[in-house]
Amino acid sequence: MDNFEVKYDEFNRVDVDYYIERARVERAAYIASLFRKAFFKKSEKGSKARVAYNLQQSPAV
């Protein structure tokens, strides 16, 4: 389990903005990793990632 530390602001209140910003950063990192997994594939030959074009696209209606 992660070690959880409560952050306080200058008025000795729980710093809610800190937790909102931290959740924002964690969510952005999670979504970025999903995006990378969906759109980029690691090449076995090298360290470069390339865009995967084999995704299905629904036709426009």
Protein backbone atom coordinates (compact mmCIF):
# COMPACT_ATOMS: atom_id res chain seq x y z
CA MET A 1 0.00 0.00 0.00
CA ASP A 2 1.23 3.50 -0.83
CA ASN A 3 2.33 5.76 1.95
CA PHE A 4 -0.26 8.55 2.21
CA GLU A 5 0.68 11.95 3.57
CA VAL A 6 -1.84 14.72 4.18
CA LYS A 7 -0.76 18.09 2.76
CA TYR A 8 -1.76 21.31 4.46
CA ASP A 9 -1.89 24.86 3.14
CA GLU A 10 -0.65 28.02 4.86
CA PHE A 11 -3.87 28.25 6.91
CA ASN A 12 -3.35 24.74 8.33
CA ARG A 13 -6.22 23.32 6.28
CA VAL A 14 -6.03 20.26 4.08
CA ASP A 15 -4.71 21.46 0.71
CA VAL A 16 -7.53 20.35 -1.59
CA ASP A 17 -5.96 22.03 -4.64
CA TYR A 18 -2.87 19.85 -4.24
CA TYR A 19 -4.96 16.67 -4.42
CA ILE A 20 -7.02 17.95 -7.37
CA GLU A 21 -3.83 18.76 -9.29
CA ARG A 22 -2.27 15.42 -8.37
CA ALA A 23 -5.35 13.54 -9.60
CA ARG A 24 -5.25 15.57 -12.82
CA VAL A 25 -1.61 14.64 -13.44
CA GLU A 26 -2.21 10.95 -12.68
CA ARG A 27 -5.26 10.83 -14.96
CA ALA A 28 -3.37 12.58 -17.77
CA ALA A 29 -0.49 10.11 -17.45
CA TYR A 30 -2.92 7.17 -17.51
CA ILE A 31 -4.72 8.46 -20.62
CA ALA A 32 -1.39 9.15 -22.34
CA SER A 33 -0.27 5.57 -21.68
CA LEU A 34 -3.55 4.23 -23.11
CA PHE A 35 -3.08 6.43 -26.16
CA ARG A 36 0.48 5.17 -26.66
CA LYS A 37 -0.64 1.55 -26.35
CA ALA A 38 -3.44 2.08 -28.87
CA PHE A 39 -1.62 4.11 -31.52
CA PHE A 40 2.08 3.27 -31.26
CA LYS A 41 3.84 -0.05 -31.54
CA LYS A 42 7.40 -0.71 -30.46
CA SER A 43 9.62 -1.94 -33.24
CA GLU A 44 11.45 -5.17 -32.47
CA LYS A 45 14.48 -4.00 -34.47
CA GLY A 46 14.96 -0.64 -32.84
CA SER A 47 13.77 1.62 -30.08
CA LYS A 48 11.62 3.81 -32.34
CA ALA A 49 7.87 3.66 -32.03
CA ARG A 50 5.74 3.87 -35.13
CA VAL A 51 2.10 4.70 -35.64
CA ALA A 52 -0.11 1.64 -35.99
CA TYR A 53 -2.48 2.10 -38.90
CA ASN A 54 -4.35 -1.16 -38.46
CA LEU A 55 -7.12 0.34 -36.33
CA GLN A 56 -10.67 -0.07 -37.53
CA GLN A 57 -12.47 3.12 -38.46
CA SER A 58 -16.22 3.19 -38.78
CA PRO A 59 -17.46 4.66 -42.08
CA ALA A 60 -19.00 8.11 -41.96
CA VAL A 61 -22.77 8.09 -42.00
